[in-house]
C-alpha cells in the first residue's frame, strides 16, 4: 500500500461524505507536490464536483498500472462509460496526426475525464470492442461460501 493511495482514498471519502475541509486539500496537495505538480486551485476547494473530478484524475494518474483503476471505475459506477464501446489505438498513418480526443461531451464524462475519440475515429485503429453490463458489478458468490452458509443466495445474473 502506498502513502499516495491512502491520501487519495481519504480525500475521496471526505468528498463523498460532503466533508470537504483543509485536510482534504492538504492530502491532495501532498500527492501533487511530491510529483512536482501545482497545489489545488483555491477556486475549486468548495466545489464538491470539481474536487471529485480532481481526486478521480489524481487516482488515475498517480496509481496508473498498479491495479486500482478497475476497482475505481466500478466503485464510481462509470464502468459502462469507460469499458463499453470501441477502444481506439494508434493512428493509422504515422504521417497524419489522429487528433486529440474531446473530453467535453457531458457532465458525467467530464467529471470522470473520459476521452471521446469521435473526431478522429476514422484516423485510428480500433483495438477492441468491449461490453460491460450492470450485471457485471457483482461477482458470483463462490459455491463453497454458499455451502458454508445456507442463508446466502446467489447474486443476480
Foldseek 3Di string as FASTA:
>chain_A
DDLLVVLLVVLLVCLVVVNQDPSSQVSLQVLQVVVPHDGDDPVCSNPSLVSLLVSLVCCCPVCPPVPCPVVVCLVVVCCQVAFAFWDWDAFPDPVDHQDDFDQPDDSVSVSNSHTDSPVRVVGTDGPDGGGDDPLVSDDWDDPVVCVVPVVDDTRDD
